Amino acid sequence: LVEFFTGTVWKPLFEPPAFGVVPLVVGTLVITAIASVVALPLGLGSAIYLSEYAPDRVRKLLKPALEVLAGIPTVVYGFFALTFMTPALQAIVPGDDLPSAFNALSAGLIMGVMIIPTVASLSEDAMTAVPNSLRQGAFALGSNQRQVSTMVVVPAALSGIAAAFILG
């Protein structure tokens, strides 16, 4: 049990087998951090645009398209990361220190793209639920659209936005 929780090698198919869980936990945390850096700002920005700036016609087109993106299987994203993102990263990196086929950066970037629709859709729903009277009050006090969006609507919908971040 101690070797399992403190071991730094995961080789269950080799002889002798090693079952250290530390690399799995660290890899999960690194990929989650990269995905969060990608998805949370883009998802929140998309949600702010859809709920506050987009005309009704655009919103009626983009919202279903965004929700369709959430239905793409994760295997497709993984295949895209392996066949497109990793070679693209290898082309960008100068010298002989190329990323391996299985690297945390391409996995994190693609996972970030994968969770953008969830964060954007749920955050947009939370911001749309904010009463119009709060927006109208802020406009009556002389606020512009950006101030209303960032200082009134986002704080009022913060619990829903936090839930979207956690669920993403």
Protein backbone atom coordinates (compact mmCIF):
# COMPACT_ATOMS: atom_id res chain seq x y z
CA LEU A 1 0.00 0.00 0.00
CA VAL A 2 2.85 2.41 0.83
CA GLU A 3 4.56 1.60 -2.48
CA PHE A 4 1.29 2.25 -4.32
CA PHE A 5 0.78 5.73 -2.85
CA THR A 6 4.43 6.84 -2.89
CA GLY A 7 5.86 5.00 -5.89
CA THR A 8 6.99 7.05 -8.87
CA VAL A 9 6.87 4.28 -11.48
CA TRP A 10 3.74 2.86 -13.14
CA LYS A 11 4.68 -0.27 -15.10
CA PRO A 12 2.00 -2.89 -14.51
CA LEU A 13 2.96 -5.03 -17.54
CA PHE A 14 6.72 -5.26 -16.91
CA GLU A 15 8.54 -7.81 -14.79
CA PRO A 16 8.57 -7.02 -11.89
CA PRO A 17 5.40 -4.91 -12.01
CA ALA A 18 5.40 -1.47 -10.38
CA PHE A 19 2.23 0.29 -9.28
CA GLY A 20 3.21 3.79 -8.13
CA VAL A 21 0.26 6.15 -8.47
CA VAL A 22 2.18 9.45 -8.13
CA PRO A 23 2.81 9.89 -11.91
CA LEU A 24 -0.88 9.36 -12.63
CA VAL A 25 -1.98 11.94 -10.07
CA VAL A 26 0.64 14.50 -11.11
CA GLY A 27 -0.19 14.02 -14.80
CA THR A 28 -3.88 14.47 -14.10
CA LEU A 29 -3.26 17.68 -12.15
CA VAL A 30 -0.94 19.12 -14.84
CA ILE A 31 -3.39 18.39 -17.67
CA THR A 32 -6.27 19.78 -15.60
CA ALA A 33 -4.33 23.00 -14.94
CA ILE A 34 -3.50 23.45 -18.65
CA ALA A 35 -7.11 22.73 -19.66
CA SER A 36 -8.40 25.20 -17.07
CA VAL A 37 -6.09 27.95 -18.31
CA VAL A 38 -7.46 27.39 -21.81
CA ALA A 39 -11.15 26.75 -21.13
CA LEU A 40 -12.16 29.01 -18.29
CA PRO A 41 -11.32 32.40 -19.85
CA LEU A 42 -12.54 31.40 -23.32
CA GLY A 43 -15.72 29.82 -21.94
CA LEU A 44 -16.52 32.82 -19.75
CA GLY A 45 -15.77 35.23 -22.61
CA SER A 46 -18.06 33.26 -24.90
CA ALA A 47 -20.79 33.26 -22.28
CA ILE A 48 -20.50 37.03 -21.74
CA TYR A 49 -20.71 37.60 -25.49
CA LEU A 50 -23.73 35.32 -25.91
CA SER A 51 -25.67 36.70 -22.95
CA GLU A 52 -24.81 40.41 -23.18
CA TYR A 53 -23.60 41.38 -26.64
CA ALA A 54 -24.89 38.94 -29.25
CA PRO A 55 -28.06 39.86 -31.15
CA ASP A 56 -30.92 37.37 -30.85
CA ARG A 57 -30.31 35.91 -34.32
CA VAL A 58 -26.65 35.26 -33.58
CA ARG A 59 -27.45 33.80 -30.16
CA LYS A 60 -30.05 31.47 -31.67
CA LEU A 61 -27.40 30.19 -34.11
CA LEU A 62 -24.39 30.00 -31.81
CA LYS A 63 -25.98 28.50 -28.70
CA PRO A 64 -27.15 25.25 -30.39
CA ALA A 65 -23.84 25.00 -32.27
CA LEU A 66 -21.99 25.35 -28.98
CA GLU A 67 -24.12 22.64 -27.40
CA VAL A 68 -23.49 20.32 -30.38
CA LEU A 69 -19.74 20.73 -29.79
CA ALA A 70 -20.27 19.41 -26.26
CA GLY A 71 -21.58 16.18 -27.77
CA ILE A 72 -18.41 15.29 -29.69
CA PRO A 73 -16.99 12.04 -28.25
CA THR A 74 -13.76 12.34 -26.29
CA VAL A 75 -12.17 9.70 -28.51
CA VAL A 76 -12.44 12.11 -31.44
CA TYR A 77 -10.73 14.84 -29.43
CA GLY A 78 -7.99 12.40 -28.40
CA PHE A 79 -7.42 11.30 -31.98
CA PHE A 80 -7.24 14.95 -33.06
CA ALA A 81 -4.69 15.66 -30.32
CA LEU A 82 -2.57 12.71 -31.36
CA THR A 83 -2.69 13.25 -35.12
CA PHE A 84 -2.81 17.04 -35.41
CA MET A 85 -1.89 18.84 -32.18
CA THR A 86 1.22 16.84 -31.30
CA PRO A 87 2.81 17.16 -34.77
CA ALA A 88 1.95 20.87 -34.73
CA LEU A 89 3.71 21.26 -31.36
CA GLN A 90 6.68 19.26 -32.67
CA ALA A 91 6.91 21.63 -35.64
CA ILE A 92 6.88 24.67 -33.35
CA VAL A 93 9.55 23.48 -30.89
CA PRO A 94 13.06 24.30 -32.16
CA GLY A 95 16.01 21.94 -31.84
CA ASP A 96 16.16 18.27 -30.97
CA ASP A 97 14.04 18.43 -27.79
CA LEU A 98 10.74 17.53 -29.46
CA PRO A 99 7.65 16.66 -27.42
CA SER A 100 6.85 12.95 -27.40
CA ALA A 101 3.71 11.59 -29.01
CA PHE A 102 2.04 11.49 -25.61
CA ASN A 103 2.61 14.85 -23.95
CA ALA A 104 0.72 16.87 -21.39
CA LEU A 105 0.61 20.08 -23.43
CA SER A 106 -1.34 18.70 -26.38
CA ALA A 107 -3.61 16.75 -24.03
CA GLY A 108 -4.24 19.84 -21.90
CA LEU A 109 -4.91 22.10 -24.88
CA ILE A 110 -7.37 19.68 -26.45
CA MET A 111 -9.07 19.02 -23.12
CA GLY A 112 -9.41 22.78 -22.72
CA VAL A 113 -11.10 23.01 -26.11
CA MET A 114 -13.27 20.05 -25.15
CA ILE A 115 -14.65 21.71 -22.00
CA ILE A 116 -15.19 25.20 -23.46
CA PRO A 117 -18.76 24.35 -24.60
CA THR A 118 -19.75 23.12 -21.15
CA VAL A 119 -18.37 26.17 -19.38
CA ALA A 120 -19.78 28.60 -21.96
CA SER A 121 -23.25 27.07 -22.10
CA LEU A 122 -23.77 26.79 -18.35
CA SER A 123 -22.27 30.22 -17.65
CA GLU A 124 -24.45 31.79 -20.35
CA ASP A 125 -27.53 30.18 -18.80
CA ALA A 126 -26.56 31.60 -15.40
CA MET A 127 -26.00 35.10 -16.84
CA THR A 128 -29.23 35.04 -18.82
CA ALA A 129 -31.07 34.28 -15.57
CA VAL A 130 -29.89 37.57 -14.02
CA PRO A 131 -32.91 39.91 -13.85
CA ASN A 132 -33.03 42.74 -16.39
CA SER A 133 -33.82 45.17 -13.58
CA LEU A 134 -30.20 44.87 -12.40
CA ARG A 135 -28.93 45.71 -15.88
CA GLN A 136 -31.38 48.61 -16.26
CA GLY A 137 -30.40 50.00 -12.86
CA ALA A 138 -26.72 49.94 -13.81
CA PHE A 139 -27.45 51.63 -17.14
CA ALA A 140 -29.53 54.27 -15.32
CA LEU A 141 -26.51 55.04 -13.14
CA GLY A 142 -24.43 55.75 -16.26
CA SER A 143 -22.63 52.44 -16.73
CA ASN A 144 -21.64 51.28 -20.19
CA GLN A 145 -22.19 47.78 -21.60
CA ARG A 146 -18.78 46.45 -20.48
CA GLN A 147 -19.24 47.74 -16.95
CA VAL A 148 -22.71 46.21 -16.72
CA SER A 149 -21.42 42.89 -18.01
CA THR A 150 -18.37 42.64 -15.77
CA MET A 151 -19.48 44.48 -12.63
CA VAL A 152 -23.17 43.60 -12.42
CA VAL A 153 -24.07 40.50 -14.43
CA VAL A 154 -20.99 38.35 -13.74
CA PRO A 155 -21.06 38.92 -9.95
CA ALA A 156 -24.82 38.29 -9.88
CA ALA A 157 -24.36 35.00 -11.76
CA LEU A 158 -21.20 33.98 -9.90
CA SER A 159 -22.69 30.90 -8.28
CA GLY A 160 -23.78 29.53 -11.66
CA ILE A 161 -20.44 30.45 -13.23
CA ALA A 162 -18.58 28.69 -10.42
CA ALA A 163 -20.77 25.62 -10.94
CA ALA A 164 -19.97 25.71 -14.66
CA PHE A 165 -16.23 25.90 -13.90
CA ILE A 166 -16.44 22.98 -11.47
CA LEU A 167 -18.54 20.90 -13.82
CA GLY A 168 -16.20 21.68 -16.73
